[in-house]
């Protein structure tokens, strides 16, 4: 089941994706899921990340 992942970088940029979170051994956070979605973030640049349930028709 996919989740909504919000990653906030130390420079203030915010990335929102739908997929799954993987912590790898190379000191990075990986977000993968939707077709073609694969993002790799080095922990040195991540301020924080939030994982929440994916709601396809959620009102924002």
PDB file of N, CA and C in Angstrom:
ATOM      1  N   UNK A   1       0.846  -1.188   0.000  1.00  0.00           N
ATOM      2  CA  UNK A   1       0.000   0.000   0.000  1.00  0.00           C
ATOM      3  C   UNK A   1       0.885   1.242   0.000  1.00  0.00           C
ATOM      4  N   UNK A   2       0.657   2.118  -0.958  1.00  0.00           N
ATOM      5  CA  UNK A   2       1.458   3.331  -1.036  1.00  0.00           C
ATOM      6  C   UNK A   2       1.064   4.326   0.039  1.00  0.00           C
ATOM      7  N   UNK A   3       2.014   5.188   0.336  1.00  0.00           N
ATOM      8  CA  UNK A   3       1.821   6.232   1.328  1.00  0.00           C
ATOM      9  C   UNK A   3       2.183   7.562   0.686  1.00  0.00           C
ATOM     10  N   UNK A   4       1.778   8.648   1.324  1.00  0.00           N
ATOM     11  CA  UNK A   4       2.211   9.971   0.897  1.00  0.00           C
ATOM     12  C   UNK A   4       3.452  10.315   1.707  1.00  0.00           C
ATOM     13  N   UNK A   5       4.538  10.615   1.015  1.00  0.00           N
ATOM     14  CA  UNK A   5       5.796  10.947   1.672  1.00  0.00           C
ATOM     15  C   UNK A   5       6.131  12.394   1.356  1.00  0.00           C
ATOM     16  N   UNK A   6       6.355  13.172   2.395  1.00  0.00           N
ATOM     17  CA  UNK A   6       6.782  14.558   2.247  1.00  0.00           C
ATOM     18  C   UNK A   6       8.204  14.652   2.777  1.00  0.00           C
ATOM     19  N   UNK A   7       9.123  15.110   1.935  1.00  0.00           N
ATOM     20  CA  UNK A   7      10.518  15.278   2.327  1.00  0.00           C
ATOM     21  C   UNK A   7      10.818  16.770   2.293  1.00  0.00           C
ATOM     22  N   UNK A   8      11.317  17.300   3.409  1.00  0.00           N
ATOM     23  CA  UNK A   8      11.711  18.705   3.472  1.00  0.00           C
ATOM     24  C   UNK A   8      13.231  18.748   3.554  1.00  0.00           C
ATOM     25  N   UNK A   9      13.830  19.442   2.595  1.00  0.00           N
ATOM     26  CA  UNK A   9      15.282  19.554   2.555  1.00  0.00           C
ATOM     27  C   UNK A   9      15.750  20.725   3.411  1.00  0.00           C
ATOM     28  N   UNK A  10      17.005  20.708   3.791  1.00  0.00           N
ATOM     29  CA  UNK A  10      17.565  21.756   4.658  1.00  0.00           C
ATOM     30  C   UNK A  10      17.493  23.145   4.028  1.00  0.00           C
ATOM     31  N   UNK A  11      17.461  23.219   2.694  1.00  0.00           N
ATOM     32  CA  UNK A  11      17.372  24.529   2.040  1.00  0.00           C
ATOM     33  C   UNK A  11      15.929  25.017   1.902  1.00  0.00           C
ATOM     34  N   UNK A  12      14.963  24.254   2.462  1.00  0.00           N
ATOM     35  CA  UNK A  12      13.573  24.688   2.468  1.00  0.00           C
ATOM     36  C   UNK A  12      12.699  24.091   1.388  1.00  0.00           C
ATOM     37  N   UNK A  13      13.290  23.442   0.400  1.00  0.00           N
ATOM     38  CA  UNK A  13      12.475  22.821  -0.647  1.00  0.00           C
ATOM     39  C   UNK A  13      11.697  21.648  -0.076  1.00  0.00           C
ATOM     40  N   UNK A  14      10.485  21.444  -0.612  1.00  0.00           N
ATOM     41  CA  UNK A  14       9.610  20.365  -0.156  1.00  0.00           C
ATOM     42  C   UNK A  14       9.224  19.506  -1.355  1.00  0.00           C
ATOM     43  N   UNK A  15       9.359  18.197  -1.197  1.00  0.00           N
ATOM     44  CA  UNK A  15       9.014  17.244  -2.243  1.00  0.00           C
ATOM     45  C   UNK A  15       7.921  16.332  -1.703  1.00  0.00           C
ATOM     46  N   UNK A  16       6.847  16.159  -2.478  1.00  0.00           N
ATOM     47  CA  UNK A  16       5.759  15.269  -2.081  1.00  0.00           C
ATOM     48  C   UNK A  16       5.643  14.174  -3.138  1.00  0.00           C
ATOM     49  N   UNK A  17       5.638  12.926  -2.680  1.00  0.00           N
ATOM     50  CA  UNK A  17       5.541  11.789  -3.598  1.00  0.00           C
ATOM     51  C   UNK A  17       4.647  10.728  -2.983  1.00  0.00           C
ATOM     52  N   UNK A  18       4.196   9.809  -3.822  1.00  0.00           N
ATOM     53  CA  UNK A  18       3.387   8.678  -3.364  1.00  0.00           C
ATOM     54  C   UNK A  18       4.191   7.413  -3.613  1.00  0.00           C
ATOM     55  N   UNK A  19       4.382   6.639  -2.570  1.00  0.00           N
ATOM     56  CA  UNK A  19       5.161   5.418  -2.711  1.00  0.00           C
ATOM     57  C   UNK A  19       5.529   4.844  -1.368  1.00  0.00           C
ATOM     58  N   UNK A  20       6.734   4.322  -1.290  1.00  0.00           N
ATOM     59  CA  UNK A  20       7.236   3.695  -0.078  1.00  0.00           C
ATOM     60  C   UNK A  20       8.602   4.277   0.261  1.00  0.00           C
ATOM     61  N   UNK A  21       8.947   4.224   1.542  1.00  0.00           N
ATOM     62  CA  UNK A  21      10.227   4.740   2.025  1.00  0.00           C
ATOM     63  C   UNK A  21      11.156   3.567   2.312  1.00  0.00           C
ATOM     64  N   UNK A  22      12.405   3.715   1.885  1.00  0.00           N
ATOM     65  CA  UNK A  22      13.434   2.713   2.149  1.00  0.00           C
ATOM     66  C   UNK A  22      14.640   3.436   2.734  1.00  0.00           C
ATOM     67  N   UNK A  23      15.177   2.922   3.827  1.00  0.00           N
ATOM     68  CA  UNK A  23      16.433   3.437   4.372  1.00  0.00           C
ATOM     69  C   UNK A  23      17.527   2.497   3.896  1.00  0.00           C
ATOM     70  N   UNK A  24      18.473   3.012   3.123  1.00  0.00           N
ATOM     71  CA  UNK A  24      19.513   2.114   2.630  1.00  0.00           C
ATOM     72  C   UNK A  24      20.783   2.247   3.470  1.00  0.00           C
ATOM     73  N   UNK A  25      21.729   1.386   3.194  1.00  0.00           N
ATOM     74  CA  UNK A  25      22.963   1.332   3.973  1.00  0.00           C
ATOM     75  C   UNK A  25      23.957   2.410   3.582  1.00  0.00           C
ATOM     76  N   UNK A  26      23.702   3.140   2.525  1.00  0.00           N
ATOM     77  CA  UNK A  26      24.624   4.167   2.042  1.00  0.00           C
ATOM     78  C   UNK A  26      24.270   5.541   2.591  1.00  0.00           C
ATOM     79  N   UNK A  27      23.601   5.588   3.750  1.00  0.00           N
ATOM     80  CA  UNK A  27      23.263   6.845   4.409  1.00  0.00           C
ATOM     81  C   UNK A  27      22.321   7.693   3.567  1.00  0.00           C
ATOM     82  N   UNK A  28      21.288   7.072   3.006  1.00  0.00           N
ATOM     83  CA  UNK A  28      20.331   7.842   2.230  1.00  0.00           C
ATOM     84  C   UNK A  28      18.908   7.342   2.446  1.00  0.00           C
ATOM     85  N   UNK A  29      17.977   8.202   2.086  1.00  0.00           N
ATOM     86  CA  UNK A  29      16.545   7.925   2.160  1.00  0.00           C
ATOM     87  C   UNK A  29      16.057   7.747   0.729  1.00  0.00           C
ATOM     88  N   UNK A  30      15.420   6.639   0.437  1.00  0.00           N
ATOM     89  CA  UNK A  30      14.933   6.365  -0.913  1.00  0.00           C
ATOM     90  C   UNK A  30      13.412   6.357  -0.891  1.00  0.00           C
ATOM     91  N   UNK A  31      12.814   7.062  -1.853  1.00  0.00           N
ATOM     92  CA  UNK A  31      11.367   7.058  -2.034  1.00  0.00           C
ATOM     93  C   UNK A  31      11.106   6.429  -3.398  1.00  0.00           C
ATOM     94  N   UNK A  32      10.327   5.347  -3.415  1.00  0.00           N
ATOM     95  CA  UNK A  32       9.991   4.703  -4.687  1.00  0.00           C
ATOM     96  C   UNK A  32       8.533   4.300  -4.661  1.00  0.00           C
ATOM     97  N   UNK A  33       7.953   4.188  -5.846  1.00  0.00           N
ATOM     98  CA  UNK A  33       6.555   3.794  -5.863  1.00  0.00           C
ATOM     99  C   UNK A  33       5.903   3.951  -7.203  1.00  0.00           C
ATOM    100  N   UNK A  34       5.228   5.093  -7.414  1.00  0.00           N
ATOM    101  CA  UNK A  34       4.513   5.314  -8.665  1.00  0.00           C
ATOM    102  C   UNK A  34       5.442   5.019  -9.838  1.00  0.00           C
ATOM    103  N   UNK A  35       4.881   4.598 -10.964  1.00  0.00           N
ATOM    104  CA  UNK A  35       5.725   4.298 -12.118  1.00  0.00           C
ATOM    105  C   UNK A  35       6.697   5.445 -12.410  1.00  0.00           C
ATOM    106  N   UNK A  36       7.958   5.113 -12.393  1.00  0.00           N
ATOM    107  CA  UNK A  36       8.985   6.105 -12.680  1.00  0.00           C
ATOM    108  C   UNK A  36       9.446   6.894 -11.475  1.00  0.00           C
ATOM    109  N   UNK A  37       8.823   6.705 -10.322  1.00  0.00           N
ATOM    110  CA  UNK A  37       9.224   7.453  -9.134  1.00  0.00           C
ATOM    111  C   UNK A  37      10.331   6.709  -8.409  1.00  0.00           C
ATOM    112  N   UNK A  38      11.489   7.334  -8.335  1.00  0.00           N
ATOM    113  CA  UNK A  38      12.608   6.802  -7.563  1.00  0.00           C
ATOM    114  C   UNK A  38      13.468   7.997  -7.200  1.00  0.00           C
ATOM    115  N   UNK A  39      13.472   8.354  -5.942  1.00  0.00           N
ATOM    116  CA  UNK A  39      14.258   9.499  -5.487  1.00  0.00           C
ATOM    117  C   UNK A  39      15.171   9.057  -4.360  1.00  0.00           C
ATOM    118  N   UNK A  40      16.407   9.520  -4.405  1.00  0.00           N
ATOM    119  CA  UNK A  40      17.410   9.161  -3.422  1.00  0.00           C
ATOM    120  C   UNK A  40      17.897  10.452  -2.763  1.00  0.00           C
ATOM    121  N   UNK A  41      17.724  10.559  -1.444  1.00  0.00           N
ATOM    122  CA  UNK A  41      18.113  11.755  -0.707  1.00  0.00           C
ATOM    123  C   UNK A  41      19.217  11.405   0.285  1.00  0.00           C
ATOM    124  N   UNK A  42      20.318  12.131   0.243  1.00  0.00           N
ATOM    125  CA  UNK A  42      21.376  11.970   1.230  1.00  0.00           C
ATOM    126  C   UNK A  42      20.922  12.614   2.525  1.00  0.00           C
ATOM    127  N   UNK A  43      21.106  11.932   3.654  1.00  0.00           N
ATOM    128  CA  UNK A  43      20.641  12.447   4.943  1.00  0.00           C
ATOM    129  C   UNK A  43      21.236  13.809   5.282  1.00  0.00           C
ATOM    130  N   UNK A  44      22.406  14.141   4.745  1.00  0.00           N
ATOM    131  CA  UNK A  44      23.020  15.445   5.026  1.00  0.00           C
ATOM    132  C   UNK A  44      22.152  16.597   4.529  1.00  0.00           C
ATOM    133  N   UNK A  45      21.264  16.336   3.570  1.00  0.00           N
ATOM    134  CA  UNK A  45      20.434  17.383   2.978  1.00  0.00           C
ATOM    135  C   UNK A  45      18.974  17.335   3.423  1.00  0.00           C
ATOM    136  N   UNK A  46      18.596  16.315   4.193  1.00  0.00           N
ATOM    137  CA  UNK A  46      17.208  16.148   4.629  1.00  0.00           C
ATOM    138  C   UNK A  46      17.016  16.773   6.004  1.00  0.00           C
ATOM    139  N   UNK A  47      16.074  17.727   6.099  1.00  0.00           N
ATOM    140  CA  UNK A  47      15.728  18.297   7.403  1.00  0.00           C
ATOM    141  C   UNK A  47      14.831  17.310   8.144  1.00  0.00           C
ATOM    142  N   UNK A  48      13.780  16.838   7.457  1.00  0.00           N
ATOM    143  CA  UNK A  48      12.892  15.820   8.019  1.00  0.00           C
ATOM    144  C   UNK A  48      12.011  15.255   6.917  1.00  0.00           C
ATOM    145  N   UNK A  49      11.335  14.163   7.225  1.00  0.00           N
ATOM    146  CA  UNK A  49      10.355  13.609   6.295  1.00  0.00           C
ATOM    147  C   UNK A  49       9.161  13.108   7.088  1.00  0.00           C
ATOM    148  N   UNK A  50       8.006  13.086   6.421  1.00  0.00           N
ATOM    149  CA  UNK A  50       6.751  12.673   7.043  1.00  0.00           C
ATOM    150  C   UNK A  50       6.098  11.638   6.138  1.00  0.00           C
ATOM    151  N   UNK A  51       5.577  10.584   6.750  1.00  0.00           N
ATOM    152  CA  UNK A  51       4.868   9.540   6.014  1.00  0.00           C
ATOM    153  C   UNK A  51       3.439   9.505   6.522  1.00  0.00           C
ATOM    154  N   UNK A  52       2.485   9.560   5.600  1.00  0.00           N
ATOM    155  CA  UNK A  52       1.075   9.505   5.981  1.00  0.00           C
ATOM    156  C   UNK A  52       0.336   8.590   5.007  1.00  0.00           C
ATOM    157  N   UNK A  53      -0.838   8.113   5.400  1.00  0.00           N
ATOM    158  CA  UNK A  53      -1.609   7.242   4.507  1.00  0.00           C
ATOM    159  C   UNK A  53      -1.945   7.965   3.199  1.00  0.00           C
ATOM    160  N   UNK A  54      -1.923   7.231   2.110  1.00  0.00           N
ATOM    161  CA  UNK A  54      -2.268   7.781   0.801  1.00  0.00           C
ATOM    162  C   UNK A  54      -3.776   7.789   0.648  1.00  0.00           C
ATOM    163  N   UNK A  55      -4.328   8.969   0.353  1.00  0.00           N
ATOM    164  CA  UNK A  55      -5.764   9.105   0.117  1.00  0.00           C
ATOM    165  C   UNK A  55      -5.945   9.678  -1.277  1.00  0.00           C
ATOM    166  N   UNK A  56      -6.408   8.846  -2.194  1.00  0.00           N
ATOM    167  CA  UNK A  56      -6.484   9.234  -3.605  1.00  0.00           C
ATOM    168  C   UNK A  56      -7.396  10.429  -3.847  1.00  0.00           C
ATOM    169  N   UNK A  57      -8.514  10.514  -3.166  1.00  0.00           N
ATOM    170  CA  UNK A  57      -9.467  11.596  -3.395  1.00  0.00           C
ATOM    171  C   UNK A  57      -9.550  12.542  -2.205  1.00  0.00           C
ATOM    172  N   UNK A  58      -8.448  12.761  -1.534  1.00  0.00           N
ATOM    173  CA  UNK A  58      -8.453  13.625  -0.345  1.00  0.00           C
ATOM    174  C   UNK A  58      -8.635  15.083  -0.753  1.00  0.00           C
ATOM    175  N   UNK A  59      -9.425  15.812   0.013  1.00  0.00           N
ATOM    176  CA  UNK A  59      -9.572  17.249  -0.205  1.00  0.00           C
ATOM    177  C   UNK A  59      -8.391  17.951   0.437  1.00  0.00           C
ATOM    178  N   UNK A  60      -7.742  18.822  -0.331  1.00  0.00           N
ATOM    179  CA  UNK A  60      -6.562  19.527   0.179  1.00  0.00           C
ATOM    180  C   UNK A  60      -6.894  20.978   0.365  1.00  0.00           C
TER     181      UNK A  60
END
